[in-house]
Protein backbone atom coordinates (compact mmCIF):
# COMPACT_ATOMS: atom_id res chain seq x y z
CA MET A 1 134.30 171.39 -21.96
CA SER A 2 131.61 168.71 -22.13
CA ALA A 3 132.20 165.07 -21.32
CA GLU A 4 131.20 162.92 -24.24
CA SER A 5 131.40 159.22 -24.81
CA THR A 6 132.25 157.78 -28.19
CA GLY A 7 129.84 158.67 -30.96
CA GLY A 8 129.20 162.24 -29.81
CA GLU A 9 126.68 161.18 -27.15
CA PRO A 10 126.89 162.70 -23.67
CA ALA A 11 128.82 160.57 -21.18
CA PHE A 12 125.70 160.50 -18.98
CA ARG A 13 122.10 160.99 -20.07
CA ILE A 14 121.03 163.21 -17.21
CA ARG A 15 117.32 163.97 -17.55
CA GLY A 16 116.96 166.52 -14.78
CA PHE A 17 117.00 166.21 -11.02
CA ASN A 18 115.62 163.13 -9.33
CA HIS A 19 115.54 165.09 -6.09
CA VAL A 20 117.34 167.74 -4.11
CA ALA A 21 117.47 166.92 -0.38
CA LEU A 22 117.51 169.62 2.31
CA VAL A 23 117.29 169.51 6.11
CA CYS A 24 114.44 171.10 8.08
CA SER A 25 113.92 171.77 11.79
CA ASP A 26 110.19 170.90 11.87
CA MET A 27 108.77 168.45 9.33
CA LYS A 28 105.13 169.39 10.00
CA ARG A 29 105.88 173.08 9.41
CA THR A 30 107.80 172.12 6.26
CA VAL A 31 104.84 170.07 4.96
CA ASP A 32 102.49 172.95 5.77
CA PHE A 33 104.66 175.36 3.77
CA TYR A 34 105.56 173.24 0.73
CA SER A 35 102.13 171.57 0.39
CA GLY A 36 99.88 174.21 1.93
CA VAL A 37 101.53 177.39 0.63
CA LEU A 38 103.37 176.24 -2.51
CA GLY A 39 100.89 173.48 -3.39
CA MET A 40 103.53 170.78 -3.86
CA LYS A 41 102.03 167.32 -3.38
CA LEU A 42 103.64 165.18 -0.69
CA ILE A 43 104.47 161.96 -2.56
CA LYS A 44 106.58 159.80 -0.20
CA THR A 45 107.24 159.75 3.54
CA LEU A 46 109.73 157.66 5.50
CA ASP A 47 110.59 157.23 9.15
CA LEU A 48 114.33 156.50 9.08
CA PRO A 49 115.65 153.37 10.82
CA ASP A 50 116.69 153.41 14.48
CA GLY A 51 114.85 156.68 15.23
CA MET A 52 117.32 158.61 13.06
CA GLY A 53 114.59 160.94 11.76
CA GLN A 54 112.34 161.34 8.75
CA HIS A 55 112.70 161.76 4.97
CA PHE A 56 109.78 163.27 2.99
CA PHE A 57 109.49 163.92 -0.76
CA PHE A 58 107.40 166.57 -2.56
CA ASP A 59 106.48 166.57 -6.26
CA ALA A 60 108.37 169.47 -7.88
CA GLY A 61 106.94 168.82 -11.37
CA ASN A 62 108.33 167.16 -14.49
CA GLY A 63 109.35 164.05 -12.55
CA ASN A 64 111.56 166.06 -10.15
CA SER A 65 111.25 166.01 -6.37
CA LEU A 66 112.25 168.20 -3.47
CA ALA A 67 113.07 166.17 -0.38
CA PHE A 68 113.62 167.03 3.26
CA PHE A 69 115.34 165.26 6.09
CA TRP A 70 114.36 165.89 9.69
CA PHE A 71 116.97 164.75 12.18
CA PRO A 72 116.16 165.10 15.91
CA ASN A 73 119.79 165.99 16.66
CA SER A 74 120.63 168.28 13.72
CA PRO A 75 122.97 171.15 14.44
CA GLU A 76 121.28 174.55 14.35
CA ALA A 77 121.19 176.51 11.10
CA SER A 78 124.26 178.62 10.23
CA PRO A 79 123.10 181.45 7.99
CA GLY A 80 126.01 182.98 6.12
CA VAL A 81 127.87 179.65 6.12
CA ALA A 82 125.59 176.75 5.17
CA ALA A 83 122.97 179.01 3.57
CA PRO A 84 122.42 182.68 2.75
CA VAL A 85 121.43 185.01 5.59
CA THR A 86 118.56 186.52 3.60
CA VAL A 87 117.29 187.07 0.06
CA PRO A 88 119.07 189.10 -2.64
CA GLY A 89 118.06 192.71 -2.30
CA PHE A 90 117.42 192.46 1.46
CA GLY A 91 120.91 191.68 2.73
CA GLU A 92 123.75 189.18 2.55
CA TRP A 93 123.09 186.19 0.28
CA ILE A 94 126.58 184.71 -0.11
CA SER A 95 127.00 181.26 1.41
CA GLY A 96 129.95 178.96 2.10
CA ILE A 97 131.66 176.50 -0.22
CA GLY A 98 129.71 173.26 -0.41
CA SER A 99 126.51 174.90 0.80
CA LEU A 100 123.18 175.03 -0.96
CA ASN A 101 122.65 178.68 -1.85
CA HIS A 102 119.08 178.42 -3.16
CA VAL A 103 116.55 176.28 -5.00
CA ALA A 104 114.97 177.87 -8.09
CA PHE A 105 111.63 176.51 -9.25
CA ASP A 106 110.79 176.91 -12.95
CA VAL A 107 107.40 178.58 -13.38
CA PRO A 108 105.48 179.58 -16.54
CA PRO A 109 106.25 183.14 -17.73
CA ASP A 110 102.55 183.91 -18.15
CA MET A 111 101.86 183.04 -14.48
CA PHE A 112 105.01 184.59 -12.99
CA GLU A 113 103.55 187.84 -11.61
CA GLU A 114 100.34 186.14 -10.48
CA TYR A 115 102.36 183.54 -8.54
CA ARG A 116 104.25 186.34 -6.78
CA ALA A 117 100.94 187.97 -5.81
CA ARG A 118 99.60 184.62 -4.55
CA LEU A 119 102.62 184.12 -2.29
CA LYS A 120 102.28 187.65 -0.90
CA ALA A 121 98.57 187.02 -0.24
CA LYS A 122 99.57 183.93 1.77
CA GLY A 123 101.85 186.07 3.93
CA VAL A 124 105.16 185.07 2.37
CA LYS A 125 107.73 187.90 2.26
CA VAL A 126 108.89 188.07 -1.36
CA ALA A 127 111.74 190.12 -2.81
CA PRO A 128 111.22 192.46 -5.77
CA ILE A 129 111.12 190.99 -9.28
CA VAL A 130 114.54 190.77 -10.90
CA ASN A 131 114.85 190.97 -14.70
CA HIS A 132 118.21 189.28 -15.30
CA ASP A 133 120.17 190.50 -18.34
CA ASP A 134 123.78 190.80 -19.55
CA SER A 135 124.22 194.47 -18.57
CA PRO A 136 127.04 195.43 -16.16
CA THR A 137 124.64 195.23 -13.19
CA GLN A 138 122.99 192.06 -14.60
CA VAL A 139 119.60 193.54 -13.69
CA ALA A 140 117.30 195.47 -16.00
CA ARG A 141 114.92 198.09 -14.62
CA SER A 142 112.39 197.20 -17.32
CA MET A 143 111.78 194.38 -19.73
CA HIS A 144 113.75 194.31 -23.01
CA PRO A 145 114.79 191.57 -25.49
CA GLY A 146 118.07 190.92 -23.59
CA VAL A 147 116.28 189.79 -20.40
CA TYR A 148 116.83 186.03 -20.34
CA VAL A 149 115.15 185.14 -17.04
CA ARG A 150 112.80 186.82 -14.56
CA SER A 151 112.79 185.79 -10.94
CA PHE A 152 111.98 186.68 -7.37
CA TYR A 153 113.25 185.21 -4.12
CA PHE A 154 111.63 184.20 -0.83
CA GLN A 155 112.46 181.94 2.11
CA ASP A 156 110.82 178.89 3.63
CA PRO A 157 110.16 178.69 7.40
CA ASP A 158 113.74 177.48 8.04
CA GLY A 159 115.24 180.33 6.01
CA ILE A 160 116.04 178.17 2.95
CA LEU A 161 116.37 180.56 0.02
CA LEU A 162 113.87 179.77 -2.75
CA GLU A 163 113.30 181.38 -6.13
CA PHE A 164 110.53 181.33 -8.72
CA ALA A 165 112.14 181.81 -12.13
CA CYS A 166 111.01 181.70 -15.74
CA TRP A 167 113.29 181.47 -18.78
CA LEU A 168 112.46 183.96 -21.52
CA ARG A 169 114.72 182.84 -24.34
CA ASP A 170 116.80 179.94 -25.55
CA PHE A 171 120.54 180.12 -25.00
CA THR A 172 123.09 180.14 -27.82
CA PRO A 173 126.83 179.32 -27.91
CA GLU A 174 127.49 183.05 -27.37
CA ASP A 175 125.99 182.71 -23.88
CA VAL A 176 129.00 180.62 -22.80
CA ALA A 177 131.75 183.24 -22.86
CA HIS A 178 133.50 183.24 -19.47
CA GLU A 179 136.61 181.35 -18.40
CA PRO A 180 135.97 179.28 -15.24
CA ARG A 181 137.77 180.64 -12.17
CA THR A 182 139.88 178.43 -9.88
CA ALA A 183 140.56 178.27 -6.14
CA ALA A 184 143.83 180.11 -6.87
CA ASP A 185 141.76 183.03 -8.24
CA ARG A 186 139.98 183.66 -4.92
CA ASP A 187 142.29 186.57 -4.07
CA THR A 188 142.14 188.05 -7.57
CA PRO A 189 139.31 190.50 -8.22
CA LEU A 190 137.03 189.79 -11.16
CA GLN A 191 137.30 192.22 -14.02
CA GLY A 192 133.91 193.77 -14.73
């Protein structure tokens, strides 16, 4: 399943994300949230040519960036199509093909619960903690050795779905056990 060049090396040496670019309705409010609430340093700002808008970049850690465009003539948001309506656990979180469903930030496991409390103290509505495991529901009520990631969701001022997540174990070849579905499978229910 992996693309390799000759010699067993990956076809591309991808080192992570350079940046993920989203669109906001109010750049100042976006800066206030990502820098003021989440503490992400604003590292580059651009006014786009010909009054097209702005493009700002925030440091997301480990050499990765989260970027935002502000376009004065952007269409309005379309929750349920271009993005989820709300966070998992509080309503519909499916989004359309080609949309960005959410951005998950990797946080240290030992700071995970404290970070959730900090966001709540800053007035951010956060969803309950989810302990992701391989059970039929994929959610554990309590911690156990099969929990591979813990996370919680919240939204930015434009309703962009965000997640703080922390990996709890390394993956093994046994963790890749599902056949990829195709567009032709859309009308076929998944077997659970």
